[in-house]
Amino acid sequence: MFNISFGEIFVFLVIALIILGPEKLPQTLRSVMIKYQNFRKTLNKIQQDFENELELVELKQLMDQELKKIKENEEKLKAQLAQMQQDIDHFHDDTPRVKSTPHQSSALTYIFVQDHHIQVPYHKDFFIQSHEVKQVA
């Protein structure tokens, strides 16, 4: 971290031994090591906090991108739903109206489709769907 070689450390210890003496050197080394460990812990904590903040920023950007995609998809779905509703309304407007009247002599009913001159025999066990006659299950 400080780019200090072993020789430089040895020279530093010899100078400290001469200045402090053999009685105070161990106590001084302990206090220096404790302060160095506290300094390293603080640096590591700052580095970890910084990395966490960067990760949060990246996650926020990713979340914003996904939220934008969701909103775009929501708009597309709303447009498709509106188009489908228009198609359904247009289909209902174009669908001929059906009237049924009972026939006097049997259980059959004739269906008269408006705007068309079609008479189809109709019985309660059958129904008409898409111009086909199907039996009711």
N, C-alpha and C. Protein backbone atom coordinates (compact mmCIF):
# COMPACT_ATOMS: atom_id res chain seq x y z
N MET A 1 0.83 -1.18 0.00
CA MET A 1 0.00 0.00 0.00
C MET A 1 0.88 1.26 0.00
N PHE A 2 1.88 1.28 0.89
CA PHE A 2 2.75 2.45 0.95
C PHE A 2 4.02 2.25 0.13
N ASN A 3 4.17 1.06 -0.44
CA ASN A 3 5.32 0.74 -1.29
C ASN A 3 6.64 0.90 -0.54
N ILE A 4 6.69 0.29 0.66
CA ILE A 4 7.89 0.36 1.51
C ILE A 4 8.55 -1.02 1.49
N SER A 5 9.85 -1.03 1.26
CA SER A 5 10.57 -2.32 1.22
C SER A 5 10.98 -2.75 2.63
N PHE A 6 11.45 -3.99 2.75
CA PHE A 6 11.87 -4.53 4.04
C PHE A 6 13.07 -3.74 4.59
N GLY A 7 13.98 -3.37 3.73
CA GLY A 7 15.15 -2.60 4.17
C GLY A 7 14.77 -1.26 4.77
N GLU A 8 13.79 -0.59 4.19
CA GLU A 8 13.34 0.69 4.72
C GLU A 8 12.66 0.51 6.08
N ILE A 9 11.91 -0.55 6.23
CA ILE A 9 11.28 -0.84 7.53
C ILE A 9 12.35 -1.10 8.59
N PHE A 10 13.39 -1.87 8.22
CA PHE A 10 14.47 -2.19 9.16
C PHE A 10 15.19 -0.92 9.61
N VAL A 11 15.47 -0.03 8.66
CA VAL A 11 16.13 1.24 9.00
C VAL A 11 15.23 2.05 9.92
N PHE A 12 13.96 2.08 9.65
CA PHE A 12 13.01 2.83 10.49
C PHE A 12 12.99 2.26 11.91
N LEU A 13 12.99 0.93 12.07
CA LEU A 13 12.99 0.31 13.40
C LEU A 13 14.28 0.60 14.17
N VAL A 14 15.42 0.61 13.48
CA VAL A 14 16.70 0.91 14.14
C VAL A 14 16.69 2.34 14.65
N ILE A 15 16.21 3.27 13.83
CA ILE A 15 16.14 4.68 14.25
C ILE A 15 15.17 4.82 15.42
N ALA A 16 14.02 4.13 15.38
CA ALA A 16 13.05 4.19 16.47
C ALA A 16 13.65 3.61 17.75
N LEU A 17 14.43 2.54 17.63
CA LEU A 17 15.07 1.93 18.81
C LEU A 17 16.07 2.90 19.43
N ILE A 18 16.82 3.60 18.60
CA ILE A 18 17.80 4.56 19.12
C ILE A 18 17.09 5.73 19.80
N ILE A 19 16.02 6.24 19.18
CA ILE A 19 15.34 7.41 19.73
C ILE A 19 14.51 7.06 20.97
N LEU A 20 13.71 6.00 20.91
CA LEU A 20 12.79 5.67 21.99
C LEU A 20 13.43 4.82 23.08
N GLY A 21 14.36 4.03 22.72
CA GLY A 21 14.97 3.14 23.71
C GLY A 21 14.22 1.82 23.75
N PRO A 22 14.83 0.79 24.34
CA PRO A 22 14.21 -0.53 24.35
C PRO A 22 12.98 -0.63 25.24
N GLU A 23 12.78 0.27 26.20
CA GLU A 23 11.62 0.19 27.09
C GLU A 23 10.34 0.68 26.40
N LYS A 24 10.41 1.76 25.65
CA LYS A 24 9.22 2.37 25.05
C LYS A 24 8.92 1.83 23.65
N LEU A 25 9.86 1.19 22.99
CA LEU A 25 9.66 0.73 21.60
C LEU A 25 8.51 -0.27 21.48
N PRO A 26 8.41 -1.33 22.29
CA PRO A 26 7.29 -2.27 22.13
C PRO A 26 5.92 -1.60 22.34
N GLN A 27 5.84 -0.73 23.33
CA GLN A 27 4.58 -0.05 23.59
C GLN A 27 4.22 0.89 22.44
N THR A 28 5.19 1.57 21.90
CA THR A 28 4.97 2.48 20.78
C THR A 28 4.57 1.70 19.53
N LEU A 29 5.24 0.56 19.27
CA LEU A 29 4.90 -0.26 18.11
C LEU A 29 3.45 -0.77 18.22
N ARG A 30 3.04 -1.19 19.44
CA ARG A 30 1.66 -1.64 19.63
C ARG A 30 0.66 -0.53 19.31
N SER A 31 0.91 0.65 19.81
CA SER A 31 -0.03 1.75 19.57
C SER A 31 -0.04 2.14 18.09
N VAL A 32 1.14 2.11 17.43
CA VAL A 32 1.20 2.41 15.99
C VAL A 32 0.43 1.34 15.21
N MET A 33 0.59 0.07 15.57
CA MET A 33 -0.12 -1.01 14.86
C MET A 33 -1.63 -0.90 15.06
N ILE A 34 -2.07 -0.55 16.27
CA ILE A 34 -3.51 -0.38 16.53
C ILE A 34 -4.07 0.76 15.69
N LYS A 35 -3.33 1.86 15.63
CA LYS A 35 -3.79 3.00 14.82
C LYS A 35 -3.79 2.64 13.33
N TYR A 36 -2.79 1.87 12.90
CA TYR A 36 -2.73 1.44 11.50
C TYR A 36 -3.92 0.52 11.17
N GLN A 37 -4.26 -0.41 12.09
CA GLN A 37 -5.40 -1.29 11.87
C GLN A 37 -6.70 -0.50 11.81
N ASN A 38 -6.85 0.47 12.69
CA ASN A 38 -8.05 1.32 12.65
C ASN A 38 -8.13 2.11 11.34
N PHE A 39 -6.98 2.60 10.90
CA PHE A 39 -6.91 3.33 9.63
C PHE A 39 -7.32 2.41 8.47
N ARG A 40 -6.84 1.17 8.46
CA ARG A 40 -7.17 0.20 7.40
C ARG A 40 -8.67 -0.14 7.43
N LYS A 41 -9.21 -0.33 8.66
CA LYS A 41 -10.63 -0.63 8.78
C LYS A 41 -11.49 0.51 8.23
N THR A 42 -11.07 1.74 8.56
CA THR A 42 -11.81 2.91 8.07
C THR A 42 -11.74 3.00 6.55
N LEU A 43 -10.54 2.78 6.01
CA LEU A 43 -10.39 2.79 4.55
C LEU A 43 -11.24 1.71 3.88
N ASN A 44 -11.22 0.50 4.45
CA ASN A 44 -12.01 -0.58 3.88
C ASN A 44 -13.51 -0.28 3.95
N LYS A 45 -13.93 0.33 5.06
CA LYS A 45 -15.34 0.69 5.20
C LYS A 45 -15.74 1.74 4.18
N ILE A 46 -14.89 2.73 3.99
CA ILE A 46 -15.16 3.78 3.00
C ILE A 46 -15.22 3.18 1.60
N GLN A 47 -14.28 2.29 1.31
CA GLN A 47 -14.25 1.64 0.00
C GLN A 47 -15.52 0.80 -0.21
N GLN A 48 -15.91 0.05 0.81
CA GLN A 48 -17.13 -0.78 0.72
C GLN A 48 -18.37 0.09 0.53
N ASP A 49 -18.45 1.20 1.27
CA ASP A 49 -19.59 2.11 1.12
C ASP A 49 -19.63 2.69 -0.29
N PHE A 50 -18.48 3.05 -0.80
CA PHE A 50 -18.40 3.60 -2.16
C PHE A 50 -18.86 2.57 -3.19
N GLU A 51 -18.39 1.34 -3.04
CA GLU A 51 -18.80 0.27 -3.97
C GLU A 51 -20.30 0.00 -3.86
N ASN A 52 -20.84 0.03 -2.65
CA ASN A 52 -22.28 -0.17 -2.47
C ASN A 52 -23.08 0.95 -3.14
N GLU A 53 -22.59 2.17 -3.01
CA GLU A 53 -23.27 3.30 -3.66
C GLU A 53 -23.25 3.15 -5.18
N LEU A 54 -22.10 2.74 -5.72
CA LEU A 54 -22.02 2.53 -7.17
C LEU A 54 -22.97 1.43 -7.61
N GLU A 55 -23.04 0.37 -6.82
CA GLU A 55 -23.96 -0.73 -7.14
C GLU A 55 -25.40 -0.26 -7.08
N LEU A 56 -25.73 0.57 -6.09
CA LEU A 56 -27.08 1.10 -6.00
C LEU A 56 -27.42 1.99 -7.19
N VAL A 57 -26.46 2.77 -7.62
CA VAL A 57 -26.68 3.64 -8.78
C VAL A 57 -26.93 2.78 -10.02
N GLU A 58 -26.13 1.73 -10.19
CA GLU A 58 -26.31 0.84 -11.33
C GLU A 58 -27.67 0.15 -11.27
N LEU A 59 -28.06 -0.30 -10.08
CA LEU A 59 -29.36 -0.94 -9.93
C LEU A 59 -30.50 0.03 -10.21
N LYS A 60 -30.33 1.28 -9.78
CA LYS A 60 -31.36 2.28 -10.04
C LYS A 60 -31.48 2.54 -11.54
N GLN A 61 -30.34 2.62 -12.23
CA GLN A 61 -30.39 2.82 -13.67
C GLN A 61 -31.06 1.64 -14.37
N LEU A 62 -30.73 0.43 -13.94
CA LEU A 62 -31.34 -0.75 -14.51
C LEU A 62 -32.85 -0.77 -14.24
N MET A 63 -33.22 -0.41 -13.02
CA MET A 63 -34.64 -0.36 -12.67
C MET A 63 -35.37 0.70 -13.50
N ASP A 64 -34.76 1.84 -13.72
CA ASP A 64 -35.37 2.89 -14.53
C ASP A 64 -35.56 2.42 -15.97
N GLN A 65 -34.56 1.70 -16.50
CA GLN A 65 -34.67 1.17 -17.86
C GLN A 65 -35.82 0.16 -17.96
N GLU A 66 -35.91 -0.72 -16.98
CA GLU A 66 -36.98 -1.72 -16.98
C GLU A 66 -38.35 -1.05 -16.81
N LEU A 67 -38.42 -0.04 -15.97
CA LEU A 67 -39.67 0.68 -15.78
C LEU A 67 -40.08 1.38 -17.08
N LYS A 68 -39.12 1.93 -17.79
CA LYS A 68 -39.41 2.57 -19.07
C LYS A 68 -39.96 1.54 -20.07
N LYS A 69 -39.35 0.35 -20.09
CA LYS A 69 -39.84 -0.71 -20.99
C LYS A 69 -41.26 -1.13 -20.62
N ILE A 70 -41.52 -1.23 -19.31
CA ILE A 70 -42.85 -1.61 -18.85
C ILE A 70 -43.88 -0.56 -19.28
N LYS A 71 -43.52 0.72 -19.13
CA LYS A 71 -44.45 1.79 -19.52
C LYS A 71 -44.70 1.76 -21.03
N GLU A 72 -43.64 1.50 -21.82
CA GLU A 72 -43.81 1.40 -23.27
C GLU A 72 -44.74 0.24 -23.61
N ASN A 73 -44.54 -0.90 -22.96
CA ASN A 73 -45.39 -2.06 -23.21
C ASN A 73 -46.83 -1.78 -22.78
N GLU A 74 -46.99 -1.04 -21.69
CA GLU A 74 -48.33 -0.69 -21.23
C GLU A 74 -49.03 0.18 -22.26
N GLU A 75 -48.30 1.15 -22.82
CA GLU A 75 -48.89 2.01 -23.85
C GLU A 75 -49.27 1.20 -25.09
N LYS A 76 -48.40 0.26 -25.49
CA LYS A 76 -48.71 -0.59 -26.65
C LYS A 76 -49.95 -1.42 -26.37
N LEU A 77 -50.03 -1.99 -25.16
CA LEU A 77 -51.18 -2.81 -24.81
C LEU A 77 -52.47 -1.99 -24.78
N LYS A 78 -52.37 -0.76 -24.26
CA LYS A 78 -53.55 0.11 -24.25
C LYS A 78 -54.01 0.41 -25.67
N ALA A 79 -53.05 0.68 -26.56
CA ALA A 79 -53.38 0.95 -27.95
C ALA A 79 -54.02 -0.28 -28.61
N GLN A 80 -53.45 -1.45 -28.34
CA GLN A 80 -54.02 -2.68 -28.90
C GLN A 80 -55.42 -2.93 -28.34
N LEU A 81 -55.61 -2.68 -27.06
CA LEU A 81 -56.92 -2.87 -26.45
C LEU A 81 -57.94 -1.91 -27.05
N ALA A 82 -57.55 -0.67 -27.27
CA ALA A 82 -58.45 0.30 -27.88
C ALA A 82 -58.80 -0.13 -29.30
N GLN A 83 -57.82 -0.63 -30.05
CA GLN A 83 -58.07 -1.10 -31.41
C GLN A 83 -59.01 -2.30 -31.39
N MET A 84 -58.80 -3.22 -30.45
CA MET A 84 -59.67 -4.38 -30.34
C MET A 84 -61.10 -3.96 -29.99
N GLN A 85 -61.22 -2.98 -29.10
CA GLN A 85 -62.54 -2.49 -28.73
C GLN A 85 -63.24 -1.86 -29.92
N GLN A 86 -62.49 -1.10 -30.73
CA GLN A 86 -63.06 -0.52 -31.94
C GLN A 86 -63.50 -1.60 -32.91
N ASP A 87 -62.66 -2.64 -33.06
CA ASP A 87 -63.02 -3.74 -33.95
C ASP A 87 -64.28 -4.45 -33.48
N ILE A 88 -64.38 -4.66 -32.15
CA ILE A 88 -65.57 -5.31 -31.60
C ILE A 88 -66.80 -4.43 -31.83
N ASP A 89 -66.66 -3.14 -31.56
CA ASP A 89 -67.79 -2.22 -31.78
C ASP A 89 -68.18 -2.20 -33.25
N HIS A 90 -67.21 -2.18 -34.15
CA HIS A 90 -67.47 -2.18 -35.58
C HIS A 90 -68.14 -3.50 -35.98
N PHE A 91 -67.70 -4.60 -35.40
CA PHE A 91 -68.29 -5.90 -35.69
C PHE A 91 -69.74 -5.93 -35.23
N HIS A 92 -70.01 -5.40 -34.03
CA HIS A 92 -71.38 -5.39 -33.53
C HIS A 92 -72.27 -4.49 -34.38
N ASP A 93 -71.73 -3.41 -34.92
CA ASP A 93 -72.51 -2.53 -35.77
C ASP A 93 -72.84 -3.19 -37.10
N ASP A 94 -71.94 -4.06 -37.60
CA ASP A 94 -72.14 -4.72 -38.89
C ASP A 94 -72.92 -6.02 -38.78
N THR A 95 -73.10 -6.54 -37.59
CA THR A 95 -73.79 -7.82 -37.41
C THR A 95 -75.29 -7.61 -37.64
N PRO A 96 -75.90 -8.45 -38.51
CA PRO A 96 -77.34 -8.31 -38.72
C PRO A 96 -78.12 -8.71 -37.47
N ARG A 97 -79.25 -8.07 -37.27
CA ARG A 97 -80.10 -8.35 -36.13
C ARG A 97 -80.97 -9.57 -36.45
N VAL A 98 -81.17 -10.41 -35.45
CA VAL A 98 -81.94 -11.64 -35.64
C VAL A 98 -83.24 -11.55 -34.84
N LYS A 99 -84.34 -11.85 -35.49
CA LYS A 99 -85.64 -11.92 -34.83
C LYS A 99 -86.15 -13.35 -34.98
N SER A 100 -86.77 -13.86 -33.97
CA SER A 100 -87.37 -15.19 -34.10
C SER A 100 -88.86 -15.10 -33.81
N THR A 101 -89.61 -15.86 -34.59
CA THR A 101 -91.06 -15.92 -34.38
C THR A 101 -91.46 -17.38 -34.37
N PRO A 102 -92.35 -17.77 -33.47
CA PRO A 102 -92.76 -19.17 -33.43
C PRO A 102 -93.62 -19.55 -34.64
N HIS A 103 -93.41 -20.74 -35.12
CA HIS A 103 -94.23 -21.27 -36.21
C HIS A 103 -95.46 -21.89 -35.58
N GLN A 104 -96.60 -21.79 -36.23
CA GLN A 104 -97.85 -22.19 -35.61
C GLN A 104 -98.05 -23.70 -35.57
N SER A 105 -97.49 -24.45 -36.52
CA SER A 105 -97.86 -25.85 -36.61
C SER A 105 -96.87 -26.82 -35.98
N SER A 106 -95.64 -26.36 -35.58
CA SER A 106 -94.68 -27.29 -35.00
C SER A 106 -93.81 -26.58 -33.98
N ALA A 107 -92.82 -27.31 -33.47
CA ALA A 107 -91.91 -26.74 -32.49
C ALA A 107 -90.78 -25.97 -33.16
N LEU A 108 -90.81 -25.87 -34.47
CA LEU A 108 -89.77 -25.13 -35.19
C LEU A 108 -90.05 -23.64 -35.14
N THR A 109 -89.00 -22.88 -35.18
CA THR A 109 -89.09 -21.43 -35.21
C THR A 109 -88.35 -20.95 -36.44
N TYR A 110 -88.88 -19.96 -37.11
CA TYR A 110 -88.19 -19.38 -38.25
C TYR A 110 -87.43 -18.15 -37.80
N ILE A 111 -86.22 -18.05 -38.27
CA ILE A 111 -85.40 -16.90 -37.93
C ILE A 111 -85.34 -15.99 -39.15
N PHE A 112 -85.64 -14.71 -38.94
CA PHE A 112 -85.56 -13.73 -40.00
C PHE A 112 -84.38 -12.82 -39.71
N VAL A 113 -83.43 -12.79 -40.61
CA VAL A 113 -82.26 -11.95 -40.43
C VAL A 113 -82.54 -10.63 -41.11
N GLN A 114 -82.41 -9.55 -40.37
CA GLN A 114 -82.66 -8.23 -40.93
C GLN A 114 -81.70 -7.95 -42.07
N ASP A 115 -82.16 -7.21 -43.02
CA ASP A 115 -81.40 -6.80 -44.19
C ASP A 115 -81.08 -7.97 -45.10
N HIS A 116 -81.55 -9.15 -44.79
CA HIS A 116 -81.37 -10.31 -45.65
C HIS A 116 -82.71 -11.03 -45.69
N HIS A 117 -83.05 -11.61 -46.80
CA HIS A 117 -84.32 -12.31 -46.93
C HIS A 117 -84.06 -13.80 -46.81
N ILE A 118 -83.65 -14.23 -45.61
CA ILE A 118 -83.31 -15.63 -45.38
C ILE A 118 -84.26 -16.16 -44.31
N GLN A 119 -84.79 -17.33 -44.55
CA GLN A 119 -85.60 -18.01 -43.54
C GLN A 119 -84.92 -19.34 -43.24
N VAL A 120 -84.56 -19.52 -41.99
CA VAL A 120 -83.89 -20.75 -41.58
C VAL A 120 -84.75 -21.40 -40.51
N PRO A 121 -85.09 -22.68 -40.68
CA PRO A 121 -85.84 -23.33 -39.61
C PRO A 121 -84.97 -23.42 -38.36
N TYR A 122 -85.54 -23.15 -37.21
CA TYR A 122 -84.80 -23.10 -35.97
C TYR A 122 -85.52 -23.94 -34.94
N HIS A 123 -84.78 -24.75 -34.24
CA HIS A 123 -85.36 -25.60 -33.19
C HIS A 123 -84.62 -25.29 -31.90
N LYS A 124 -85.24 -25.51 -30.75
CA LYS A 124 -84.63 -25.15 -29.47
C LYS A 124 -83.35 -25.92 -29.18
N ASP A 125 -83.14 -27.08 -29.79
CA ASP A 125 -81.93 -27.87 -29.56
C ASP A 125 -80.81 -27.48 -30.51
N PHE A 126 -81.03 -26.53 -31.36
CA PHE A 126 -80.01 -26.07 -32.31
C PHE A 126 -79.84 -24.57 -32.15
N PHE A 127 -78.64 -24.10 -32.49
CA PHE A 127 -78.45 -22.65 -32.51
C PHE A 127 -77.58 -22.31 -33.72
N ILE A 128 -77.66 -21.06 -34.15
CA ILE A 128 -76.92 -20.61 -35.33
C ILE A 128 -75.73 -19.79 -34.86
N GLN A 129 -74.57 -20.16 -35.37
CA GLN A 129 -73.36 -19.40 -35.04
C GLN A 129 -72.52 -19.31 -36.31
N SER A 130 -72.20 -18.13 -36.72
CA SER A 130 -71.39 -17.87 -37.90
C SER A 130 -71.98 -18.55 -39.13
N HIS A 131 -73.27 -18.44 -39.32
CA HIS A 131 -73.98 -18.97 -40.47
C HIS A 131 -73.93 -20.49 -40.54
N GLU A 132 -73.72 -21.16 -39.43
CA GLU A 132 -73.74 -22.61 -39.36
C GLU A 132 -74.77 -23.02 -38.32
N VAL A 133 -75.40 -24.14 -38.54
CA VAL A 133 -76.34 -24.65 -37.57
C VAL A 133 -75.64 -25.73 -36.77
N LYS A 134 -75.62 -25.58 -35.42
CA LYS A 134 -74.95 -26.53 -34.55
C LYS A 134 -75.93 -27.00 -33.49
N GLN A 135 -75.76 -28.23 -33.08
CA GLN A 135 -76.64 -28.78 -32.04
C GLN A 135 -76.14 -28.38 -30.66
N VAL A 136 -77.07 -28.01 -29.77
CA VAL A 136 -76.73 -27.64 -28.41
C VAL A 136 -76.46 -28.90 -27.63
N ALA A 137 -75.35 -28.92 -26.88
CA ALA A 137 -74.99 -30.13 -26.14
C ALA A 137 -75.81 -30.30 -24.90
